[in-house]
């Protein structure tokens, strides 16, 4: 697990999740709070689960789930800000962080896809 703790995207996703918990600490809409905290917690959790998988396709699948959770969180932050559940300045900061984490996850997905292609056997072409 030590190597995971050095993975920048995982660390940033953990900070994002913690920031979200702090931002919603006083939210009284428990349905909203439950949904948004689940999305935020899902991001670093799925990065970690993918990291622990043995195959590249499995790792990519969990990274895709984490990336999807970034989109879910970003949407919920916008809604939470607009309805007054989350401090506007803090929400905008967290929205930007969610976008950055999503881009970092995409970079990791591309890395694993390229790595997978480099290790796959060559398929002969039909003439």
Protein backbone atom coordinates (compact mmCIF):
# COMPACT_ATOMS: atom_id res chain seq x y z
CA UNK A 1 0.00 0.00 0.00
CA UNK A 2 2.97 2.32 0.40
CA UNK A 3 3.20 2.83 -3.37
CA UNK A 4 -0.49 3.81 -3.49
CA UNK A 5 0.16 6.43 -0.85
CA UNK A 6 2.72 7.97 -3.22
CA UNK A 7 0.29 8.12 -6.16
CA UNK A 8 -0.47 11.81 -6.68
CA UNK A 9 -3.97 11.30 -8.09
CA UNK A 10 -4.97 9.16 -5.10
CA UNK A 11 -3.64 11.76 -2.63
CA UNK A 12 -5.46 14.56 -4.43
CA UNK A 13 -8.68 12.51 -4.54
CA UNK A 14 -8.40 11.87 -0.78
CA UNK A 15 -7.97 15.60 -0.13
CA UNK A 16 -11.00 16.30 -2.34
CA UNK A 17 -13.09 13.81 -0.39
CA UNK A 18 -12.00 15.29 2.94
CA UNK A 19 -12.75 18.80 1.66
CA UNK A 20 -16.22 17.71 0.64
CA UNK A 21 -16.92 16.21 4.06
CA UNK A 22 -15.86 19.49 5.65
CA UNK A 23 -17.96 21.52 3.19
CA UNK A 24 -21.11 19.54 3.97
CA UNK A 25 -20.62 19.19 7.73
CA UNK A 26 -23.56 21.51 8.49
CA UNK A 27 -25.81 20.45 5.59
CA UNK A 28 -29.24 19.49 6.89
CA UNK A 29 -30.46 17.87 3.68
CA UNK A 30 -29.35 14.37 4.59
CA UNK A 31 -30.30 12.83 1.23
CA UNK A 32 -28.11 15.31 -0.62
CA UNK A 33 -25.33 15.00 1.93
CA UNK A 34 -25.38 11.20 1.73
CA UNK A 35 -25.30 11.19 -2.08
CA UNK A 36 -22.52 13.75 -2.49
CA UNK A 37 -20.30 12.26 0.21
CA UNK A 38 -20.70 8.80 -1.38
CA UNK A 39 -19.61 10.21 -4.74
CA UNK A 40 -16.60 11.94 -3.17
CA UNK A 41 -15.57 8.86 -1.20
CA UNK A 42 -15.95 6.66 -4.28
CA UNK A 43 -13.18 8.48 -6.15
CA UNK A 44 -10.12 7.59 -4.03
CA UNK A 45 -11.69 4.26 -3.07
CA UNK A 46 -11.98 3.12 -6.68
CA UNK A 47 -8.51 4.40 -7.52
CA UNK A 48 -7.22 2.26 -4.64
CA UNK A 49 -9.27 -0.76 -5.65
CA UNK A 50 -8.01 -0.53 -9.23
CA UNK A 51 -4.46 -0.17 -8.00
CA UNK A 52 -4.79 -3.45 -6.12
CA UNK A 53 -6.09 -5.37 -9.15
CA UNK A 54 -3.80 -7.73 -11.01
CA UNK A 55 -4.86 -7.13 -14.60
CA UNK A 56 -4.70 -3.96 -16.65
CA UNK A 57 -8.33 -4.18 -17.87
CA UNK A 58 -9.51 -4.50 -14.27
CA UNK A 59 -7.41 -1.50 -13.22
CA UNK A 60 -8.81 0.55 -16.09
CA UNK A 61 -12.38 -0.42 -15.18
CA UNK A 62 -12.00 0.86 -11.61
CA UNK A 63 -10.34 4.04 -12.86
CA UNK A 64 -13.34 4.58 -15.17
CA UNK A 65 -15.65 4.22 -12.19
CA UNK A 66 -13.56 6.76 -10.25
CA UNK A 67 -13.70 9.14 -13.22
CA UNK A 68 -17.48 8.73 -13.41
CA UNK A 69 -17.71 9.57 -9.72
CA UNK A 70 -15.75 12.78 -10.43
CA UNK A 71 -18.45 13.79 -12.91
CA UNK A 72 -21.16 12.90 -10.42
CA UNK A 73 -19.46 14.91 -7.67
CA UNK A 74 -18.87 17.91 -9.94
CA UNK A 75 -22.58 17.96 -10.89
CA UNK A 76 -23.70 17.66 -7.28
CA UNK A 77 -21.36 20.46 -6.21
CA UNK A 78 -22.89 22.78 -8.80
CA UNK A 79 -26.40 21.90 -7.65
CA UNK A 80 -25.42 22.17 -3.97
CA UNK A 81 -23.94 25.61 -4.57
CA UNK A 82 -26.97 26.85 -6.53
CA UNK A 83 -29.49 25.72 -3.92
CA UNK A 84 -27.42 27.06 -1.04
CA UNK A 85 -26.26 23.79 0.57
CA UNK A 86 -22.56 24.55 0.05
CA UNK A 87 -20.60 27.77 0.46
CA UNK A 88 -20.21 29.20 -3.08
CA UNK A 89 -16.47 29.93 -2.88
CA UNK A 90 -15.70 26.54 -1.40
CA UNK A 91 -17.92 24.79 -3.92
CA UNK A 92 -16.16 26.46 -6.86
CA UNK A 93 -12.79 25.40 -5.41
CA UNK A 94 -13.98 21.80 -4.99
CA UNK A 95 -15.52 21.80 -8.48
CA UNK A 96 -12.13 22.76 -9.93
CA UNK A 97 -10.40 20.08 -7.87
CA UNK A 98 -12.89 17.47 -9.13
CA UNK A 99 -12.10 18.47 -12.72
CA UNK A 100 -8.35 18.23 -12.04
CA UNK A 101 -8.70 14.79 -10.45
CA UNK A 102 -10.80 13.66 -13.42
CA UNK A 103 -8.06 14.79 -15.83
CA UNK A 104 -5.42 12.99 -13.77
CA UNK A 105 -7.49 9.80 -13.77
CA UNK A 106 -7.90 10.09 -17.54
CA UNK A 107 -4.11 10.36 -17.85
CA UNK A 108 -3.70 7.20 -15.79
CA UNK A 109 -6.28 5.38 -17.93
CA UNK A 110 -4.37 6.40 -21.07
CA UNK A 111 -1.12 5.21 -19.49
CA UNK A 112 -2.58 1.78 -18.71
CA UNK A 113 -4.17 1.49 -22.17
CA UNK A 114 -0.83 2.25 -23.82
CA UNK A 115 0.95 -0.19 -21.52
CA UNK A 116 -1.63 -2.86 -22.37
CA UNK A 117 -1.13 -2.31 -26.11
CA UNK A 118 2.64 -2.53 -25.77
CA UNK A 119 2.33 -5.94 -24.08
CA UNK A 120 -0.34 -7.46 -26.32
CA UNK A 121 0.72 -10.01 -28.92
CA UNK A 122 0.87 -8.85 -32.51
CA UNK A 123 -2.08 -9.94 -34.59
CA UNK A 124 -1.19 -10.75 -38.20
CA UNK A 125 -2.94 -8.65 -40.83
CA UNK A 126 -4.97 -10.14 -43.64
CA UNK A 127 -3.57 -9.29 -47.06
